[in-house]
Amino acid sequence: MADAGLPAGWEVRHSNSKNLPYFFNAASKESRWEPPEGTDLDKLKAYMAQNTRKPEGKIRAAHLLVKHKDSRRPSSWKEQDITRSKEEAIQILRGHQGRIQSGEISLRDLAQSESDCNSARKNGDLGFFGRGEMQKEFEEVAFGLEPGQVSAVVDTASGVHLIQRLE
């Protein structure tokens, strides 16, 4: 097996439920989404490029979601009862958008602390998905982006989003 650049005892595995790679240490039984400390990121990147394939017809995206009181489910891991208006949610998201566009912070780093979606724990990463698997408004924008590109504000029943196409 090729060298993945991981510290001793760690291996790359694939989550069938999330359709994403994760890192597992057989000795400690620890699993995590982020590479463990001491990983050679250049080797890992080369390994992943060589050993993972994008599912046919699917894209991979990350997002930052800000919910509002009229969202489909106005609560999140951060806030039990979301009371902000849709306009306030859009203003919050535009502030995040400015920070991302200026290069101050990446969407993925910001999503980890600011997104109202449970995907925040994976830096907003939604994994691979095909047409018909996401809300129509979200999907149309995500499939229209080039890899690396970040969307303008997208409004769905879940709230307002910034979307970054990853692959």
Protein backbone atom coordinates (compact mmCIF):
# COMPACT_ATOMS: atom_id res chain seq x y z
CA MET A 1 0.00 0.00 0.00
CA ALA A 2 1.25 3.50 -0.85
CA ASP A 3 2.51 5.79 1.91
CA ALA A 4 -0.35 8.08 3.01
CA GLY A 5 1.97 10.23 5.14
CA LEU A 6 0.10 9.37 8.34
CA PRO A 7 1.74 8.82 11.75
CA ALA A 8 2.28 5.20 12.85
CA GLY A 9 -0.94 3.33 13.60
CA TRP A 10 -3.18 5.57 11.49
CA GLU A 11 -4.91 4.60 8.26
CA VAL A 12 -7.34 6.14 5.79
CA ARG A 13 -10.79 4.56 5.74
CA HIS A 14 -13.95 5.42 3.85
CA SER A 15 -17.29 6.30 5.47
CA ASN A 16 -20.10 4.67 3.52
CA SER A 17 -22.75 6.82 5.19
CA LYS A 18 -20.99 10.13 4.45
CA ASN A 19 -19.14 8.93 1.33
CA LEU A 20 -15.99 10.62 2.64
CA PRO A 21 -12.57 9.45 3.77
CA TYR A 22 -11.74 9.53 7.47
CA PHE A 23 -8.73 8.63 9.63
CA PHE A 24 -8.65 5.66 11.99
CA ASN A 25 -6.13 4.49 14.57
CA ALA A 26 -6.57 0.73 15.13
CA ALA A 27 -4.63 0.71 18.41
CA SER A 28 -6.61 3.49 20.14
CA LYS A 29 -9.85 2.98 18.13
CA GLU A 30 -9.90 6.74 17.55
CA SER A 31 -11.51 7.98 14.35
CA ARG A 32 -11.59 11.52 13.06
CA TRP A 33 -12.41 13.54 9.95
CA GLU A 34 -9.28 15.68 10.10
CA PRO A 35 -5.77 14.24 9.58
CA PRO A 36 -4.01 13.41 12.87
CA GLU A 37 -1.17 15.57 14.17
CA GLY A 38 2.15 14.68 12.55
CA THR A 39 0.65 13.91 9.13
CA ASP A 40 2.80 14.76 6.09
CA LEU A 41 0.11 16.73 4.23
CA ASP A 42 1.93 16.62 0.88
CA LYS A 43 2.13 12.81 0.99
CA LEU A 44 -1.49 12.59 2.14
CA LYS A 45 -2.66 14.82 -0.70
CA ALA A 46 -0.80 12.68 -3.26
CA TYR A 47 -2.16 9.48 -1.69
CA MET A 48 -5.73 10.77 -1.71
CA ALA A 49 -5.48 11.92 -5.34
CA GLN A 50 -4.24 8.48 -6.34
CA ASN A 51 -6.62 6.39 -4.20
CA THR A 52 -9.96 8.17 -4.24
CA ARG A 53 -12.30 8.62 -7.15
CA LYS A 54 -15.18 11.01 -7.55
CA PRO A 55 -18.47 9.15 -7.95
CA GLU A 56 -19.89 9.46 -11.48
CA GLY A 57 -22.21 12.44 -11.94
CA LYS A 58 -21.66 13.73 -8.42
CA ILE A 59 -19.99 16.82 -7.01
CA ARG A 60 -18.62 17.58 -3.57
CA ALA A 61 -19.40 20.83 -1.79
CA ALA A 62 -19.14 22.55 1.56
CA HIS A 63 -21.48 25.22 2.87
CA LEU A 64 -22.02 27.69 5.64
CA LEU A 65 -25.68 27.85 6.72
CA VAL A 66 -27.30 30.63 8.72
CA LYS A 67 -30.82 29.77 9.82
CA HIS A 68 -33.58 32.23 10.65
CA LYS A 69 -36.94 32.06 12.45
CA ASP A 70 -38.75 31.07 9.23
CA SER A 71 -36.32 28.26 8.38
CA ARG A 72 -37.73 24.76 8.04
CA ARG A 73 -36.23 23.83 11.43
CA PRO A 74 -35.27 27.03 13.32
CA SER A 75 -32.79 25.41 15.72
CA SER A 76 -29.23 24.13 15.44
CA TRP A 77 -26.30 22.65 17.34
CA LYS A 78 -25.38 26.25 18.27
CA GLU A 79 -28.80 27.65 19.16
CA GLN A 80 -31.88 25.85 20.52
CA ASP A 81 -34.37 28.50 19.36
CA ILE A 82 -33.34 30.70 16.44
CA THR A 83 -35.26 33.99 16.47
CA ARG A 84 -33.34 36.14 13.97
CA SER A 85 -35.16 37.40 10.88
CA LYS A 86 -34.26 36.29 7.38
CA GLU A 87 -32.82 39.76 6.74
CA GLU A 88 -30.58 39.46 9.81
CA ALA A 89 -29.42 36.02 8.64
CA ILE A 90 -28.54 37.45 5.22
CA GLN A 91 -26.57 40.29 6.85
CA ILE A 92 -24.63 37.79 9.00
CA LEU A 93 -23.89 35.69 5.92
CA ARG A 94 -22.77 38.76 3.92
CA GLY A 95 -20.34 39.58 6.75
CA HIS A 96 -18.94 36.05 6.49
CA GLN A 97 -18.80 36.41 2.71
CA GLY A 98 -16.69 39.57 3.05
CA ARG A 99 -14.19 37.79 5.32
CA ILE A 100 -13.93 34.88 2.87
CA GLN A 101 -13.53 37.14 -0.19
CA SER A 102 -10.82 39.19 1.55
CA GLY A 103 -8.83 36.02 2.19
CA GLU A 104 -9.00 36.51 5.97
CA ILE A 105 -10.52 33.05 6.46
CA SER A 106 -11.73 30.15 4.32
CA LEU A 107 -15.37 29.13 4.07
CA ARG A 108 -14.46 25.73 5.52
CA ASP A 109 -12.70 27.22 8.57
CA LEU A 110 -15.55 29.67 9.16
CA ALA A 111 -18.22 26.97 8.74
CA GLN A 112 -16.69 25.00 11.60
CA SER A 113 -17.67 27.66 14.14
CA GLU A 114 -20.40 29.68 12.41
CA SER A 115 -22.59 27.28 10.41
CA ASP A 116 -25.98 26.24 11.81
CA CYS A 117 -25.67 22.89 10.01
CA ASN A 118 -24.33 19.75 11.68
CA SER A 119 -21.81 19.57 8.82
CA ALA A 120 -19.92 22.29 10.74
CA ARG A 121 -17.97 19.55 12.52
CA LYS A 122 -16.62 18.54 9.09
CA ASN A 123 -15.84 22.13 8.07
CA GLY A 124 -19.16 22.35 6.24
CA ASP A 125 -18.28 19.41 3.97
CA LEU A 126 -21.43 17.74 2.63
CA GLY A 127 -19.58 14.99 0.79
CA PHE A 128 -20.49 13.91 -2.72
CA PHE A 129 -24.05 14.31 -3.97
CA GLY A 130 -25.87 14.07 -7.26
CA ARG A 131 -28.80 15.85 -8.79
CA GLY A 132 -32.03 15.34 -6.89
CA GLU A 133 -30.33 14.82 -3.51
CA MET A 134 -30.33 18.42 -2.24
CA GLN A 135 -32.90 21.21 -2.18
CA LYS A 136 -33.44 22.49 -5.73
CA GLU A 137 -32.12 26.03 -5.12
CA PHE A 138 -29.00 24.69 -3.39
CA GLU A 139 -28.35 22.07 -6.05
CA GLU A 140 -28.72 24.47 -8.99
CA VAL A 141 -26.13 26.82 -7.55
CA ALA A 142 -23.72 24.08 -6.39
CA PHE A 143 -23.68 22.36 -9.79
CA GLY A 144 -23.14 25.75 -11.48
CA LEU A 145 -19.95 26.49 -9.52
CA GLU A 146 -16.42 25.60 -10.60
CA PRO A 147 -14.25 23.70 -8.08
CA GLY A 148 -12.96 26.19 -5.49
CA GLN A 149 -15.58 28.82 -6.34
CA VAL A 150 -17.82 30.26 -3.59
CA SER A 151 -21.42 31.25 -4.31
CA ALA A 152 -23.32 34.40 -3.53
CA VAL A 153 -26.06 34.08 -0.87
CA VAL A 154 -28.41 31.16 -1.63
CA ASP A 155 -31.89 31.07 -0.06
CA THR A 156 -33.53 27.69 0.68
CA ALA A 157 -36.15 26.36 3.08
CA SER A 158 -33.29 25.51 5.48
CA GLY A 159 -31.99 29.09 5.66
CA VAL A 160 -29.38 31.08 3.76
CA HIS A 161 -26.12 29.55 2.58
CA LEU A 162 -22.73 30.24 1.08
CA ILE A 163 -21.68 27.22 -0.98
CA GLN A 164 -18.18 26.23 -2.05
CA ARG A 165 -17.78 23.53 -4.65
CA LEU A 166 -14.88 21.32 -3.64
CA GLU A 167 -14.83 18.78 -6.50
